[in-house]
């Protein structure tokens, strides 16, 4: 979707300012927010693309006025409310008022370190050969889907160059079409495409600037 989160070159907020010696968390509650979000994600009631979509589809005023981890918590509340895992009354009271919903998986404290170290492999088997190759010019489709997508608005319609192939990966746009498991969807080739700054941002842009985007095959078309 064309949400407020997709703000590259659009909203006039100025440059990204780097914070020197930036801490991992800026407040104690942020580490708890991350822990709760990861633990709930391990329940298997949604996938990573559904969680991204929940964050990106927050109302613009809420999204822009919330800090990074506030967005995480607001999206988690949304996901849990949609699946009847929490009630609005419980969120307001700050305590459990109804019986918990049974889930298929639980992340126990003794398994946290091993689970985080193992991660979740993202590459999937794919039978068909890649449509594009390294060095090939491609154009990002000028599309405006109603649902979730990982193709940034600012590269749509522009020409870039394939610089890397990453094998088969779950197509995120389709990964959000089912609210509940199983989440078996199509697998596509994933590429890294590099765009030069002046192509995206126009005259006056630093000619040395490059933007790289990981793009699924159906986001791209060949340039003759």
C-alpha atoms as a PDB file:
ATOM      1  CA  UNK A   1       0.000   0.000   0.000  1.00  0.00           C
ATOM      2  CA  UNK A   2       1.098   3.604  -0.353  1.00  0.00           C
ATOM      3  CA  UNK A   3       1.303   4.255   3.365  1.00  0.00           C
ATOM      4  CA  UNK A   4       2.852   7.074   5.320  1.00  0.00           C
ATOM      5  CA  UNK A   5       5.740   4.754   6.226  1.00  0.00           C
ATOM      6  CA  UNK A   6       6.910   4.804   2.580  1.00  0.00           C
ATOM      7  CA  UNK A   7       8.303   8.300   2.943  1.00  0.00           C
ATOM      8  CA  UNK A   8      11.572   8.195   1.005  1.00  0.00           C
ATOM      9  CA  UNK A   9      11.926  11.619  -0.633  1.00  0.00           C
ATOM     10  CA  UNK A  10       8.230  12.335  -0.103  1.00  0.00           C
ATOM     11  CA  UNK A  11       7.404  13.959   3.215  1.00  0.00           C
ATOM     12  CA  UNK A  12      10.022  16.680   3.613  1.00  0.00           C
ATOM     13  CA  UNK A  13      11.385  15.574   6.978  1.00  0.00           C
ATOM     14  CA  UNK A  14      14.950  16.363   5.949  1.00  0.00           C
ATOM     15  CA  UNK A  15      18.047  14.166   6.124  1.00  0.00           C
ATOM     16  CA  UNK A  16      18.520  11.207   8.434  1.00  0.00           C
ATOM     17  CA  UNK A  17      20.620  12.388  11.372  1.00  0.00           C
ATOM     18  CA  UNK A  18      22.920   9.754  12.845  1.00  0.00           C
ATOM     19  CA  UNK A  19      23.190   9.589  16.623  1.00  0.00           C
ATOM     20  CA  UNK A  20      26.764   9.177  17.858  1.00  0.00           C
ATOM     21  CA  UNK A  21      27.269   6.207  20.184  1.00  0.00           C
ATOM     22  CA  UNK A  22      23.599   5.382  19.835  1.00  0.00           C
ATOM     23  CA  UNK A  23      22.445   2.944  22.548  1.00  0.00           C
ATOM     24  CA  UNK A  24      20.669  -0.270  21.657  1.00  0.00           C
ATOM     25  CA  UNK A  25      17.612   0.970  23.566  1.00  0.00           C
ATOM     26  CA  UNK A  26      16.798   4.532  24.594  1.00  0.00           C
ATOM     27  CA  UNK A  27      14.545   3.520  27.512  1.00  0.00           C
ATOM     28  CA  UNK A  28      14.041   0.418  29.619  1.00  0.00           C
ATOM     29  CA  UNK A  29      10.543  -0.186  28.261  1.00  0.00           C
ATOM     30  CA  UNK A  30      11.909  -0.513  24.716  1.00  0.00           C
ATOM     31  CA  UNK A  31      13.739  -3.757  25.480  1.00  0.00           C
ATOM     32  CA  UNK A  32      10.538  -5.128  27.008  1.00  0.00           C
ATOM     33  CA  UNK A  33       8.568  -4.063  23.928  1.00  0.00           C
ATOM     34  CA  UNK A  34      10.984  -5.933  21.691  1.00  0.00           C
ATOM     35  CA  UNK A  35      10.904  -9.028  23.928  1.00  0.00           C
ATOM     36  CA  UNK A  36       7.100  -9.135  23.995  1.00  0.00           C
ATOM     37  CA  UNK A  37       6.859  -8.674  20.224  1.00  0.00           C
ATOM     38  CA  UNK A  38       9.386 -11.443  19.522  1.00  0.00           C
ATOM     39  CA  UNK A  39       7.740 -13.806  22.007  1.00  0.00           C
ATOM     40  CA  UNK A  40       4.291 -13.226  20.537  1.00  0.00           C
ATOM     41  CA  UNK A  41       5.618 -13.619  17.004  1.00  0.00           C
ATOM     42  CA  UNK A  42       6.926 -17.049  18.003  1.00  0.00           C
ATOM     43  CA  UNK A  43       3.353 -18.151  18.693  1.00  0.00           C
ATOM     44  CA  UNK A  44       2.897 -18.686  14.957  1.00  0.00           C
ATOM     45  CA  UNK A  45      -0.353 -16.732  14.756  1.00  0.00           C
ATOM     46  CA  UNK A  46       1.087 -14.361  12.133  1.00  0.00           C
ATOM     47  CA  UNK A  47       4.141 -14.115   9.913  1.00  0.00           C
ATOM     48  CA  UNK A  48       6.783 -11.421   9.548  1.00  0.00           C
ATOM     49  CA  UNK A  49       5.002  -9.783   6.622  1.00  0.00           C
ATOM     50  CA  UNK A  50       1.723  -9.582   8.532  1.00  0.00           C
ATOM     51  CA  UNK A  51       3.590  -7.914  11.393  1.00  0.00           C
ATOM     52  CA  UNK A  52       5.204  -5.429   8.985  1.00  0.00           C
ATOM     53  CA  UNK A  53       1.831  -4.741   7.401  1.00  0.00           C
ATOM     54  CA  UNK A  54       0.284  -4.114  10.809  1.00  0.00           C
ATOM     55  CA  UNK A  55       2.921  -1.467  11.551  1.00  0.00           C
ATOM     56  CA  UNK A  56       2.727   0.164   8.151  1.00  0.00           C
ATOM     57  CA  UNK A  57      -1.079   0.349   8.139  1.00  0.00           C
ATOM     58  CA  UNK A  58      -1.356   2.260  11.414  1.00  0.00           C
ATOM     59  CA  UNK A  59      -3.215   5.573  10.986  1.00  0.00           C
ATOM     60  CA  UNK A  60      -0.771   8.247   9.699  1.00  0.00           C
ATOM     61  CA  UNK A  61      -1.182  10.521  12.738  1.00  0.00           C
ATOM     62  CA  UNK A  62      -0.388   7.626  15.088  1.00  0.00           C
ATOM     63  CA  UNK A  63       2.500   6.323  12.981  1.00  0.00           C
ATOM     64  CA  UNK A  64       4.218   9.702  12.691  1.00  0.00           C
ATOM     65  CA  UNK A  65       3.757  10.587  16.361  1.00  0.00           C
ATOM     66  CA  UNK A  66       5.066   7.236  17.641  1.00  0.00           C
ATOM     67  CA  UNK A  67       8.646   6.196  18.285  1.00  0.00           C
ATOM     68  CA  UNK A  68      10.111   3.052  16.723  1.00  0.00           C
ATOM     69  CA  UNK A  69       9.116   0.670  19.508  1.00  0.00           C
ATOM     70  CA  UNK A  70       5.819   2.424  20.109  1.00  0.00           C
ATOM     71  CA  UNK A  71       4.969   1.448  16.528  1.00  0.00           C
ATOM     72  CA  UNK A  72       5.938  -2.156  17.353  1.00  0.00           C
ATOM     73  CA  UNK A  73       3.623  -2.248  20.385  1.00  0.00           C
ATOM     74  CA  UNK A  74       0.710  -0.557  18.630  1.00  0.00           C
ATOM     75  CA  UNK A  75       0.989  -3.060  15.770  1.00  0.00           C
ATOM     76  CA  UNK A  76       1.191  -5.973  18.236  1.00  0.00           C
ATOM     77  CA  UNK A  77      -1.990  -4.767  19.916  1.00  0.00           C
ATOM     78  CA  UNK A  78      -3.658  -4.638  16.495  1.00  0.00           C
ATOM     79  CA  UNK A  79      -2.561  -8.188  15.609  1.00  0.00           C
ATOM     80  CA  UNK A  80      -3.704  -9.595  18.934  1.00  0.00           C
ATOM     81  CA  UNK A  81      -7.059  -7.795  18.839  1.00  0.00           C
ATOM     82  CA  UNK A  82      -7.741  -9.154  15.347  1.00  0.00           C
ATOM     83  CA  UNK A  83      -7.156 -12.727  16.604  1.00  0.00           C
ATOM     84  CA  UNK A  84      -9.101 -12.331  19.864  1.00  0.00           C
ATOM     85  CA  UNK A  85      -5.898 -12.856  21.859  1.00  0.00           C
ATOM     86  CA  UNK A  86      -6.591  -9.735  23.884  1.00  0.00           C
ATOM     87  CA  UNK A  87      -9.570  -7.450  24.418  1.00  0.00           C
ATOM     88  CA  UNK A  88      -9.752  -3.680  24.366  1.00  0.00           C
ATOM     89  CA  UNK A  89     -10.816  -3.809  28.006  1.00  0.00           C
ATOM     90  CA  UNK A  90      -7.656  -5.758  28.900  1.00  0.00           C
ATOM     91  CA  UNK A  91      -5.461  -3.244  27.088  1.00  0.00           C
ATOM     92  CA  UNK A  92      -7.095  -0.413  29.019  1.00  0.00           C
ATOM     93  CA  UNK A  93      -6.896  -2.272  32.339  1.00  0.00           C
ATOM     94  CA  UNK A  94      -3.347  -3.506  31.818  1.00  0.00           C
ATOM     95  CA  UNK A  95      -4.230  -6.979  33.026  1.00  0.00           C
ATOM     96  CA  UNK A  96      -5.750 -10.247  31.835  1.00  0.00           C
ATOM     97  CA  UNK A  97      -9.532 -10.394  32.168  1.00  0.00           C
ATOM     98  CA  UNK A  98     -10.406 -13.396  29.961  1.00  0.00           C
ATOM     99  CA  UNK A  99      -9.078 -16.904  29.458  1.00  0.00           C
ATOM    100  CA  UNK A 100      -5.970 -17.031  27.245  1.00  0.00           C
ATOM    101  CA  UNK A 101      -6.230 -18.232  23.659  1.00  0.00           C
ATOM    102  CA  UNK A 102      -4.387 -21.492  22.992  1.00  0.00           C
ATOM    103  CA  UNK A 103      -1.514 -21.213  20.526  1.00  0.00           C
ATOM    104  CA  UNK A 104       0.481 -23.878  18.736  1.00  0.00           C
ATOM    105  CA  UNK A 105       3.913 -22.667  19.871  1.00  0.00           C
ATOM    106  CA  UNK A 106       5.305 -20.962  22.953  1.00  0.00           C
ATOM    107  CA  UNK A 107       8.760 -19.399  23.284  1.00  0.00           C
ATOM    108  CA  UNK A 108       9.964 -20.523  26.710  1.00  0.00           C
ATOM    109  CA  UNK A 109      12.653 -18.546  28.508  1.00  0.00           C
ATOM    110  CA  UNK A 110      15.089 -21.447  28.308  1.00  0.00           C
ATOM    111  CA  UNK A 111      14.830 -21.507  24.513  1.00  0.00           C
ATOM    112  CA  UNK A 112      15.283 -17.792  23.798  1.00  0.00           C
ATOM    113  CA  UNK A 113      19.051 -17.732  23.202  1.00  0.00           C
ATOM    114  CA  UNK A 114      19.007 -20.822  20.989  1.00  0.00           C
ATOM    115  CA  UNK A 115      16.011 -19.570  18.998  1.00  0.00           C
ATOM    116  CA  UNK A 116      17.551 -16.155  18.367  1.00  0.00           C
ATOM    117  CA  UNK A 117      20.895 -17.656  17.368  1.00  0.00           C
ATOM    118  CA  UNK A 118      19.215 -20.135  15.007  1.00  0.00           C
ATOM    119  CA  UNK A 119      17.032 -17.508  13.384  1.00  0.00           C
ATOM    120  CA  UNK A 120      14.531 -18.377  10.682  1.00  0.00           C
ATOM    121  CA  UNK A 121      15.943 -19.339   7.272  1.00  0.00           C
ATOM    122  CA  UNK A 122      14.331 -17.243   4.565  1.00  0.00           C
ATOM    123  CA  UNK A 123      15.539 -18.923   1.358  1.00  0.00           C
ATOM    124  CA  UNK A 124      13.138 -21.438  -0.186  1.00  0.00           C
ATOM    125  CA  UNK A 125      13.559 -24.055  -2.952  1.00  0.00           C
ATOM    126  CA  UNK A 126      12.553 -22.746  -6.368  1.00  0.00           C
ATOM    127  CA  UNK A 127      12.244 -24.752  -9.582  1.00  0.00           C
ATOM    128  CA  UNK A 128      12.074 -22.153 -12.328  1.00  0.00           C
ATOM    129  CA  UNK A 129      15.252 -20.374 -13.470  1.00  0.00           C
ATOM    130  CA  UNK A 130      15.799 -16.713 -12.676  1.00  0.00           C
ATOM    131  CA  UNK A 131      14.275 -14.362 -15.229  1.00  0.00           C
ATOM    132  CA  UNK A 132      17.013 -11.743 -14.797  1.00  0.00           C
ATOM    133  CA  UNK A 133      20.792 -11.875 -14.392  1.00  0.00           C
ATOM    134  CA  UNK A 134      23.515  -9.767 -12.777  1.00  0.00           C
ATOM    135  CA  UNK A 135      24.288  -6.675 -14.844  1.00  0.00           C
ATOM    136  CA  UNK A 136      20.873  -6.589 -16.522  1.00  0.00           C
ATOM    137  CA  UNK A 137      18.839  -3.371 -16.663  1.00  0.00           C
ATOM    138  CA  UNK A 138      15.348  -3.671 -15.206  1.00  0.00           C
ATOM    139  CA  UNK A 139      12.494  -1.312 -14.489  1.00  0.00           C
ATOM    140  CA  UNK A 140      10.548  -1.395 -11.237  1.00  0.00           C
ATOM    141  CA  UNK A 141       6.852  -1.614 -12.061  1.00  0.00           C
ATOM    142  CA  UNK A 142       4.785   1.505 -11.544  1.00  0.00           C
ATOM    143  CA  UNK A 143       2.179  -0.143  -9.344  1.00  0.00           C
ATOM    144  CA  UNK A 144      -0.011   0.948  -6.461  1.00  0.00           C
ATOM    145  CA  UNK A 145      -1.375  -2.214  -4.799  1.00  0.00           C
ATOM    146  CA  UNK A 146      -4.183  -2.100  -2.273  1.00  0.00           C
ATOM    147  CA  UNK A 147      -2.410  -4.456   0.108  1.00  0.00           C
ATOM    148  CA  UNK A 148       1.080  -4.901   1.510  1.00  0.00           C
ATOM    149  CA  UNK A 149       4.143  -4.615  -0.720  1.00  0.00           C
ATOM    150  CA  UNK A 150       7.907  -4.348  -0.237  1.00  0.00           C
ATOM    151  CA  UNK A 151       8.531  -2.297  -3.386  1.00  0.00           C
ATOM    152  CA  UNK A 152       9.259   1.288  -2.260  1.00  0.00           C
ATOM    153  CA  UNK A 153       7.185   3.939  -3.959  1.00  0.00           C
ATOM    154  CA  UNK A 154      10.213   6.064  -4.869  1.00  0.00           C
ATOM    155  CA  UNK A 155      11.736   3.404  -7.173  1.00  0.00           C
ATOM    156  CA  UNK A 156       8.543   2.555  -9.069  1.00  0.00           C
ATOM    157  CA  UNK A 157       8.808   3.293 -12.759  1.00  0.00           C
ATOM    158  CA  UNK A 158      12.587   3.800 -12.578  1.00  0.00           C
ATOM    159  CA  UNK A 159      15.375   1.802 -14.198  1.00  0.00           C
ATOM    160  CA  UNK A 160      18.103   0.113 -12.178  1.00  0.00           C
ATOM    161  CA  UNK A 161      20.677  -2.647 -12.554  1.00  0.00           C
ATOM    162  CA  UNK A 162      20.622  -6.154 -11.080  1.00  0.00           C
ATOM    163  CA  UNK A 163      23.697  -6.565  -8.857  1.00  0.00           C
ATOM    164  CA  UNK A 164      22.851  -9.754  -6.951  1.00  0.00           C
ATOM    165  CA  UNK A 165      20.553 -12.802  -6.933  1.00  0.00           C
ATOM    166  CA  UNK A 166      19.354 -14.230  -3.609  1.00  0.00           C
ATOM    167  CA  UNK A 167      17.498 -17.396  -4.608  1.00  0.00           C
ATOM    168  CA  UNK A 168      13.842 -18.146  -3.885  1.00  0.00           C
ATOM    169  CA  UNK A 169      11.945 -16.269  -1.184  1.00  0.00           C
ATOM    170  CA  UNK A 170       8.329 -16.061  -0.066  1.00  0.00           C
ATOM    171  CA  UNK A 171       6.447 -13.337  -1.928  1.00  0.00           C
ATOM    172  CA  UNK A 172       5.535 -10.808   0.807  1.00  0.00           C
ATOM    173  CA  UNK A 173       2.541  -9.313  -1.012  1.00  0.00           C
ATOM    174  CA  UNK A 174       0.861 -12.734  -0.972  1.00  0.00           C
ATOM    175  CA  UNK A 175       2.144 -13.611   2.498  1.00  0.00           C
ATOM    176  CA  UNK A 176      -0.335 -11.135   3.999  1.00  0.00           C
ATOM    177  CA  UNK A 177      -3.434 -12.410   2.203  1.00  0.00           C
ATOM    178  CA  UNK A 178      -4.167 -15.064   4.860  1.00  0.00           C
ATOM    179  CA  UNK A 179      -4.716 -13.755   8.376  1.00  0.00           C
ATOM    180  CA  UNK A 180      -4.148 -17.130  10.044  1.00  0.00           C
ATOM    181  CA  UNK A 181      -1.817 -20.112   9.443  1.00  0.00           C
ATOM    182  CA  UNK A 182      -0.928 -21.965   7.327  1.00  0.00           C
ATOM    183  CA  UNK A 183       0.858 -19.267   5.331  1.00  0.00           C
ATOM    184  CA  UNK A 184       1.933 -21.271   2.285  1.00  0.00           C
ATOM    185  CA  UNK A 185       2.330 -18.873  -0.648  1.00  0.00           C
ATOM    186  CA  UNK A 186       4.265 -18.504  -3.884  1.00  0.00           C
ATOM    187  CA  UNK A 187       8.062 -18.377  -3.916  1.00  0.00           C
ATOM    188  CA  UNK A 188       9.868 -15.971  -6.264  1.00  0.00           C
ATOM    189  CA  UNK A 189      13.418 -15.043  -7.132  1.00  0.00           C
ATOM    190  CA  UNK A 190      14.743 -12.144  -5.081  1.00  0.00           C
ATOM    191  CA  UNK A 191      17.219  -9.653  -6.548  1.00  0.00           C
ATOM    192  CA  UNK A 192      19.208  -6.673  -5.357  1.00  0.00           C
ATOM    193  CA  UNK A 193      18.732  -3.756  -7.743  1.00  0.00           C
ATOM    194  CA  UNK A 194      20.845  -0.605  -7.624  1.00  0.00           C
ATOM    195  CA  UNK A 195      19.415   2.763  -8.709  1.00  0.00           C
ATOM    196  CA  UNK A 196      21.502   5.909  -9.105  1.00  0.00           C
ATOM    197  CA  UNK A 197      20.462   8.973  -7.143  1.00  0.00           C
ATOM    198  CA  UNK A 198      19.762  11.374 -10.031  1.00  0.00           C
ATOM    199  CA  UNK A 199      17.446   8.782 -11.613  1.00  0.00           C
ATOM    200  CA  UNK A 200      15.324   8.715  -8.445  1.00  0.00           C
ATOM    201  CA  UNK A 201      15.642  12.248  -7.105  1.00  0.00           C
ATOM    202  CA  UNK A 202      16.320  14.321 -10.234  1.00  0.00           C
ATOM    203  CA  UNK A 203      18.747  17.100 -11.122  1.00  0.00           C
ATOM    204  CA  UNK A 204      20.856  18.426  -8.284  1.00  0.00           C
ATOM    205  CA  UNK A 205      21.187  15.055  -6.587  1.00  0.00           C
ATOM    206  CA  UNK A 206      24.714  13.950  -5.673  1.00  0.00           C
ATOM    207  CA  UNK A 207      25.737  11.861  -8.720  1.00  0.00           C
ATOM    208  CA  UNK A 208      27.659   9.513  -6.423  1.00  0.00           C
ATOM    209  CA  UNK A 209      24.498   8.518  -4.573  1.00  0.00           C
ATOM    210  CA  UNK A 210      23.170   5.004  -5.096  1.00  0.00           C
ATOM    211  CA  UNK A 211      20.140   3.280  -3.611  1.00  0.00           C
ATOM    212  CA  UNK A 212      19.942  -0.515  -3.445  1.00  0.00           C
ATOM    213  CA  UNK A 213      16.605  -2.286  -3.131  1.00  0.00           C
ATOM    214  CA  UNK A 214      15.841  -5.989  -2.687  1.00  0.00           C
ATOM    215  CA  UNK A 215      13.050  -6.656  -5.187  1.00  0.00           C
ATOM    216  CA  UNK A 216      11.020  -9.758  -5.985  1.00  0.00           C
ATOM    217  CA  UNK A 217      10.841 -10.880  -9.613  1.00  0.00           C
ATOM    218  CA  UNK A 218       7.220  -9.837 -10.197  1.00  0.00           C
ATOM    219  CA  UNK A 219       8.143  -6.276  -9.172  1.00  0.00           C
ATOM    220  CA  UNK A 220      10.468  -5.979 -12.183  1.00  0.00           C
ATOM    221  CA  UNK A 221      10.398  -5.934 -15.964  1.00  0.00           C
ATOM    222  CA  UNK A 222      13.251  -6.145 -18.464  1.00  0.00           C
ATOM    223  CA  UNK A 223      14.476  -3.016 -20.219  1.00  0.00           C
ATOM    224  CA  UNK A 224      15.181  -3.471 -23.897  1.00  0.00           C
END
